[in-house]
Amino acid sequence: MMNLNLFLISAAAMVSVASASTALPPSPPAVNLGTAEDFVILAKAGVTNVPGGAITGDIGVSPIAASAMTGFDLVMDSSNEFSTSTEITGKAYAPDYMSPTGTKLTTAVSDMLTAYNDAAARPVTGGPFGNSLSGETYTNLGAGEIGGLTLTRGVYTYDINVSITSGKVTFHGGADDVFIIKTSKSVLQAANTEVVLTGGAQAKNIFWSVAQEVNVGAGAHMEGILLVKTAVKFITGSSFVGRVLSATAVTLQSAAITAPATSAPTTRRGLRGLQVA
């Protein structure tokens, strides 16, 4: 009987260790965007648009003037606090518009930079990545190529370019799970590739902290919050759900840019049975 009890205790311990080794790490807290969250596009050095796309949400530039928002055929509102465009379902703001627009933009840009610094300073998630049996970690996962991977909640750190070229990348998690992908280099997405969300994951909880540039290829689809220190470019026919927050300029070539949903989805799929690439 004693041997049987010892066997059962040992077996239980092995199951416990195995479960711990495959359990997902805790979700990191979301990055606080402050008033930058009021904008679908916010840029310090301008927004250049090639007509033919559609923007859903408000856009703004600061400290550069309204003349740096090109390709929109902006029409000034009678209040002189914002302008409109047939390309924008929302409003366009610049610091040379009537008060209090300038003050609002100064605060939003400050909040944007604070959010970038927060995301860039997050510690990488420790331990092995997901169910990986090959010793991969959350540092330089996939040698920078995340196309074809399924990412779960956590902080992923790169000191190399992050590329999406070999198929779609999937973010899988619950409605409150947070994903942070930070790189000291660039994010480069190839033409006609996709960022896909499953299991209830939300674009508002995916943060891309990028020290250099983000380039989304023709016909590609991207999702998340872009916190970018340098330039952002969406090539012809690309689409995006999220927010584009850039410390320099944003270039749009007939692109569809849509603000993310702010509430949780009504359905949720669990993580049971998830196979991580």
Protein backbone atom coordinates (compact mmCIF):
# COMPACT_ATOMS: atom_id res chain seq x y z
CA MET A 1 0.00 0.00 0.00
CA MET A 2 2.85 2.37 0.88
CA ASN A 3 4.48 1.77 -2.50
CA LEU A 4 1.17 2.49 -4.22
CA ASN A 5 0.77 5.75 -2.31
CA LEU A 6 4.31 6.79 -3.19
CA PHE A 7 3.61 5.98 -6.84
CA LEU A 8 0.42 8.09 -6.83
CA ILE A 9 2.19 11.03 -5.17
CA SER A 10 5.03 10.82 -7.68
CA ALA A 11 2.62 10.66 -10.61
CA ALA A 12 0.70 13.66 -9.32
CA ALA A 13 3.91 15.63 -8.97
CA MET A 14 4.91 14.79 -12.53
CA VAL A 15 1.52 15.96 -13.84
CA SER A 16 1.87 19.17 -11.84
CA VAL A 17 5.33 19.87 -13.26
CA ALA A 18 4.17 19.09 -16.80
CA SER A 19 1.18 21.41 -16.42
CA ALA A 20 3.35 24.20 -15.07
CA SER A 21 5.80 23.86 -17.94
CA THR A 22 3.07 24.30 -20.56
CA ALA A 23 0.99 26.90 -18.70
CA LEU A 24 0.83 30.36 -20.23
CA PRO A 25 2.56 33.17 -18.34
CA PRO A 26 0.41 35.88 -16.75
CA SER A 27 -0.80 38.57 -19.10
CA PRO A 28 1.17 41.82 -18.91
CA PRO A 29 -0.85 44.95 -18.12
CA ALA A 30 -2.07 46.98 -21.08
CA VAL A 31 -0.13 50.06 -22.15
CA ASN A 32 -1.95 53.24 -21.11
CA LEU A 33 -2.39 55.45 -24.18
CA GLY A 34 -3.91 58.36 -22.31
CA THR A 35 -5.58 60.88 -24.60
CA ALA A 36 -3.64 59.51 -27.61
CA GLU A 37 -6.41 56.91 -27.59
CA ASP A 38 -8.70 59.60 -29.02
CA PHE A 39 -7.00 59.26 -32.40
CA VAL A 40 -6.82 56.53 -35.01
CA ILE A 41 -3.76 58.33 -36.46
CA LEU A 42 -1.55 60.73 -34.53
CA ALA A 43 1.78 61.93 -35.93
CA LYS A 44 4.34 64.59 -35.05
CA ALA A 45 5.65 65.19 -38.59
CA GLY A 46 2.58 64.86 -40.80
CA VAL A 47 0.24 62.46 -42.59
CA THR A 48 0.57 62.01 -46.35
CA ASN A 49 -2.38 60.39 -48.10
CA VAL A 50 -2.81 58.98 -51.60
CA PRO A 51 -6.60 59.19 -52.15
CA GLY A 52 -8.64 56.04 -52.61
CA GLY A 53 -8.53 54.73 -49.06
CA ALA A 54 -10.75 55.28 -46.05
CA ILE A 55 -10.00 56.34 -42.48
CA THR A 56 -12.48 55.65 -39.69
CA GLY A 57 -11.69 57.73 -36.62
CA ASP A 58 -10.06 61.06 -35.83
CA ILE A 59 -6.58 62.01 -37.03
CA GLY A 60 -4.19 64.66 -35.75
CA VAL A 61 -0.74 66.15 -36.23
CA SER A 62 1.39 68.12 -33.78
CA PRO A 63 3.58 70.12 -33.43
CA ILE A 64 3.62 70.41 -37.24
CA ALA A 65 0.83 72.47 -38.82
CA ALA A 66 -2.27 71.39 -40.75
CA SER A 67 -0.43 71.88 -44.06
CA ALA A 68 1.42 68.62 -43.23
CA MET A 69 -1.83 66.64 -43.68
CA THR A 70 -1.80 66.23 -47.46
CA GLY A 71 -3.99 64.36 -49.93
CA PHE A 72 -7.21 64.79 -47.95
CA ASP A 73 -8.72 67.96 -49.48
CA LEU A 74 -9.50 69.14 -45.97
CA VAL A 75 -12.48 71.42 -45.41
CA MET A 76 -12.37 73.63 -42.31
CA ASP A 77 -15.33 73.38 -39.97
CA SER A 78 -17.14 76.61 -39.08
CA SER A 79 -15.77 76.31 -35.54
CA ASN A 80 -12.20 76.44 -36.90
CA GLU A 81 -11.35 73.71 -34.36
CA PHE A 82 -11.14 70.84 -36.85
CA SER A 83 -11.47 69.99 -40.52
CA THR A 84 -13.19 67.20 -42.44
CA SER A 85 -12.56 65.14 -45.56
CA THR A 86 -14.42 62.66 -47.73
CA GLU A 87 -11.55 60.26 -46.96
CA ILE A 88 -12.15 60.48 -43.20
CA THR A 89 -15.13 59.29 -41.18
CA GLY A 90 -14.14 61.51 -38.29
CA LYS A 91 -12.28 64.79 -37.81
CA ALA A 92 -8.80 66.10 -38.55
CA TYR A 93 -6.97 68.23 -35.97
CA ALA A 94 -3.86 70.41 -36.10
CA PRO A 95 -2.20 72.77 -33.60
CA ASP A 96 -2.80 75.86 -35.77
CA TYR A 97 -6.57 75.39 -35.50
CA MET A 98 -8.67 77.33 -33.02
CA SER A 99 -8.16 76.73 -29.28
CA PRO A 100 -8.47 74.34 -27.45
CA THR A 101 -7.28 72.10 -30.32
CA GLY A 102 -3.59 72.92 -29.88
CA THR A 103 -3.62 72.13 -26.17
CA LYS A 104 -5.49 68.88 -26.80
CA LEU A 105 -2.91 67.79 -29.35
CA THR A 106 0.07 68.71 -27.17
CA THR A 107 -1.31 66.50 -24.40
CA ALA A 108 -2.09 63.65 -26.80
CA VAL A 109 1.44 63.68 -28.28
CA SER A 110 2.94 63.72 -24.79
CA ASP A 111 0.75 60.73 -23.85
CA MET A 112 1.80 58.95 -27.06
CA LEU A 113 5.50 59.31 -26.21
CA THR A 114 4.88 58.16 -22.64
CA ALA A 115 3.09 55.08 -23.97
CA TYR A 116 5.96 54.32 -26.36
CA ASN A 117 8.52 54.57 -23.56
CA ASP A 118 6.37 52.34 -21.32
CA ALA A 119 6.05 49.62 -23.96
CA ALA A 120 9.73 49.82 -24.92
CA ALA A 121 10.78 49.36 -21.29
CA ARG A 122 8.62 46.32 -20.54
CA PRO A 123 10.65 43.29 -19.40
CA VAL A 124 10.53 40.33 -21.73
CA THR A 125 8.38 37.39 -20.68
CA GLY A 126 10.64 34.77 -19.11
CA GLY A 127 10.85 31.05 -19.65
CA PRO A 128 10.23 28.95 -22.74
CA PHE A 129 7.75 30.15 -25.34
CA GLY A 130 4.36 28.46 -25.13
CA ASN A 131 4.44 24.74 -25.80
CA SER A 132 7.79 24.96 -27.60
CA LEU A 133 9.94 21.86 -27.21
CA SER A 134 12.93 23.38 -29.00
CA GLY A 135 14.03 25.83 -26.34
CA GLU A 136 12.59 28.94 -27.99
CA THR A 137 11.96 31.94 -25.74
CA TYR A 138 10.19 35.28 -26.01
CA THR A 139 13.46 36.91 -27.09
CA ASN A 140 13.97 37.04 -30.88
CA LEU A 141 11.34 34.34 -31.33
CA GLY A 142 11.46 32.87 -34.82
CA ALA A 143 14.72 34.75 -35.51
CA GLY A 144 12.47 37.73 -36.25
CA GLU A 145 10.15 35.92 -38.67
CA ILE A 146 6.74 35.64 -36.98
CA GLY A 147 4.77 34.79 -40.11
CA GLY A 148 3.28 31.34 -39.62
CA LEU A 149 3.40 31.57 -35.80
CA THR A 150 0.60 31.64 -33.25
CA LEU A 151 1.43 34.10 -30.48
CA THR A 152 -0.08 33.99 -27.02
CA ARG A 153 -0.10 36.73 -24.38
CA GLY A 154 3.24 38.08 -23.21
CA VAL A 155 6.05 40.51 -23.98
CA TYR A 156 8.15 39.60 -27.03
CA THR A 157 11.50 41.39 -27.37
CA TYR A 158 13.62 41.77 -30.52
CA ASP A 159 16.93 43.43 -31.34
CA ILE A 160 16.40 42.53 -35.01
CA ASN A 161 13.72 43.30 -37.59
CA VAL A 162 10.35 41.68 -37.00
CA SER A 163 9.08 40.25 -40.29
CA ILE A 164 5.76 38.84 -41.45
CA THR A 165 6.63 37.23 -44.77
CA SER A 166 5.96 33.48 -44.55
CA GLY A 167 2.20 33.51 -44.03
CA LYS A 168 -0.19 34.95 -41.48
CA VAL A 169 0.65 35.57 -37.82
CA THR A 170 -2.09 34.68 -35.34
CA PHE A 171 -2.67 36.31 -31.95
CA HIS A 172 -4.63 33.84 -29.85
CA GLY A 173 -6.03 34.69 -26.43
CA GLY A 174 -8.95 35.93 -24.39
CA ALA A 175 -10.54 39.35 -24.49
CA ASP A 176 -8.28 40.68 -21.71
CA ASP A 177 -5.01 39.11 -22.86
CA VAL A 178 -2.27 41.62 -23.72
CA PHE A 179 0.46 41.14 -26.32
CA ILE A 180 3.50 43.44 -26.58
CA ILE A 181 5.94 43.07 -29.46
CA LYS A 182 8.88 45.44 -29.05
CA THR A 183 11.88 45.84 -31.30
CA SER A 184 14.85 48.18 -31.54
CA LYS A 185 14.63 47.74 -35.32
CA SER A 186 11.67 47.70 -37.76
CA VAL A 187 8.46 45.76 -38.43
CA LEU A 188 8.20 44.69 -42.07
CA GLN A 189 5.06 43.03 -43.36
CA ALA A 190 5.06 41.51 -46.84
CA ALA A 191 2.33 42.04 -49.41
CA ASN A 192 -0.91 40.07 -49.00
CA THR A 193 -0.04 38.68 -45.56
CA GLU A 194 -2.35 38.91 -42.55
CA VAL A 195 -2.42 39.53 -38.83
CA VAL A 196 -5.26 37.38 -37.49
CA LEU A 197 -6.94 37.45 -34.07
CA THR A 198 -8.57 34.36 -32.58
CA GLY A 199 -10.07 33.19 -29.29
CA GLY A 200 -11.44 36.65 -28.43
CA ALA A 201 -8.12 38.54 -28.68
CA GLN A 202 -8.59 42.26 -29.37
CA ALA A 203 -6.65 44.70 -31.49
CA LYS A 204 -6.69 47.26 -28.68
CA ASN A 205 -4.59 44.85 -26.55
CA ILE A 206 -1.84 44.22 -29.12
CA PHE A 207 0.99 46.75 -28.82
CA TRP A 208 3.78 47.08 -31.38
CA SER A 209 6.65 49.14 -29.92
CA VAL A 210 8.97 49.91 -32.85
CA ALA A 211 12.11 52.03 -32.66
CA GLN A 212 12.58 52.35 -36.40
CA GLU A 213 9.82 52.02 -39.01
CA VAL A 214 6.70 50.01 -39.77
CA ASN A 215 6.06 49.05 -43.39
CA VAL A 216 2.82 47.25 -44.31
CA GLY A 217 2.91 45.79 -47.82
CA ALA A 218 0.36 46.05 -50.60
CA GLY A 219 -2.85 44.17 -49.82
CA ALA A 220 -1.62 43.17 -46.35
CA HIS A 221 -3.76 43.38 -43.20
CA MET A 222 -2.34 44.52 -39.84
CA GLU A 223 -3.95 44.90 -36.39
CA GLY A 224 -2.94 46.43 -33.06
CA ILE A 225 -1.62 49.65 -31.58
CA LEU A 226 1.44 50.94 -33.44
CA LEU A 227 3.76 52.92 -31.15
CA VAL A 228 6.48 53.93 -33.57
CA LYS A 229 9.50 56.15 -33.05
CA THR A 230 10.14 56.66 -36.75
CA ALA A 231 7.96 56.38 -39.88
CA VAL A 232 4.88 54.30 -40.70
CA LYS A 233 3.91 53.38 -44.26
CA PHE A 234 0.86 51.55 -45.59
CA ILE A 235 1.27 50.47 -49.21
CA THR A 236 -1.54 50.41 -51.78
CA GLY A 237 -4.57 48.37 -50.78
CA SER A 238 -3.35 47.52 -47.28
CA SER A 239 -5.71 47.63 -44.30
CA PHE A 240 -5.35 48.15 -40.59
CA VAL A 241 -7.48 47.88 -37.46
CA GLY A 242 -5.99 49.72 -34.50
CA ARG A 243 -4.20 53.04 -33.90
CA VAL A 244 -1.20 54.52 -35.68
CA LEU A 245 0.81 56.61 -33.20
CA SER A 246 4.02 57.88 -34.78
CA ALA A 247 6.74 60.20 -33.48
CA THR A 248 7.50 61.19 -37.08
CA ALA A 249 5.38 60.78 -40.23
CA VAL A 250 2.67 58.47 -41.56
CA THR A 251 2.26 57.66 -45.26
CA LEU A 252 -0.97 56.15 -46.59
CA GLN A 253 -1.34 54.80 -50.12
CA SER A 254 -5.05 54.12 -50.70
CA ALA A 255 -5.18 52.31 -47.35
CA ALA A 256 -8.11 51.48 -45.07
CA ILE A 257 -7.42 52.50 -41.45
CA THR A 258 -10.04 51.72 -38.79
CA ALA A 259 -10.06 52.41 -35.05
CA PRO A 260 -10.31 49.26 -32.89
CA ALA A 261 -13.39 48.22 -30.96
CA THR A 262 -13.28 49.53 -27.41
CA SER A 263 -15.50 46.83 -25.87
CA ALA A 264 -14.90 43.11 -25.48
CA PRO A 265 -16.35 40.72 -28.06
CA THR A 266 -19.47 38.83 -27.08
CA THR A 267 -17.93 35.42 -27.74
CA ARG A 268 -14.74 33.93 -26.39
CA ARG A 269 -12.86 30.77 -27.23
CA GLY A 270 -10.57 29.22 -24.65
CA LEU A 271 -6.93 28.22 -24.99
CA ARG A 272 -7.51 24.51 -24.48
CA GLY A 273 -5.85 22.40 -27.13
CA LEU A 274 -3.83 25.30 -28.54
CA GLN A 275 -0.86 24.14 -30.56
CA VAL A 276 1.83 26.80 -30.71
CA ALA A 277 3.98 26.87 -33.82
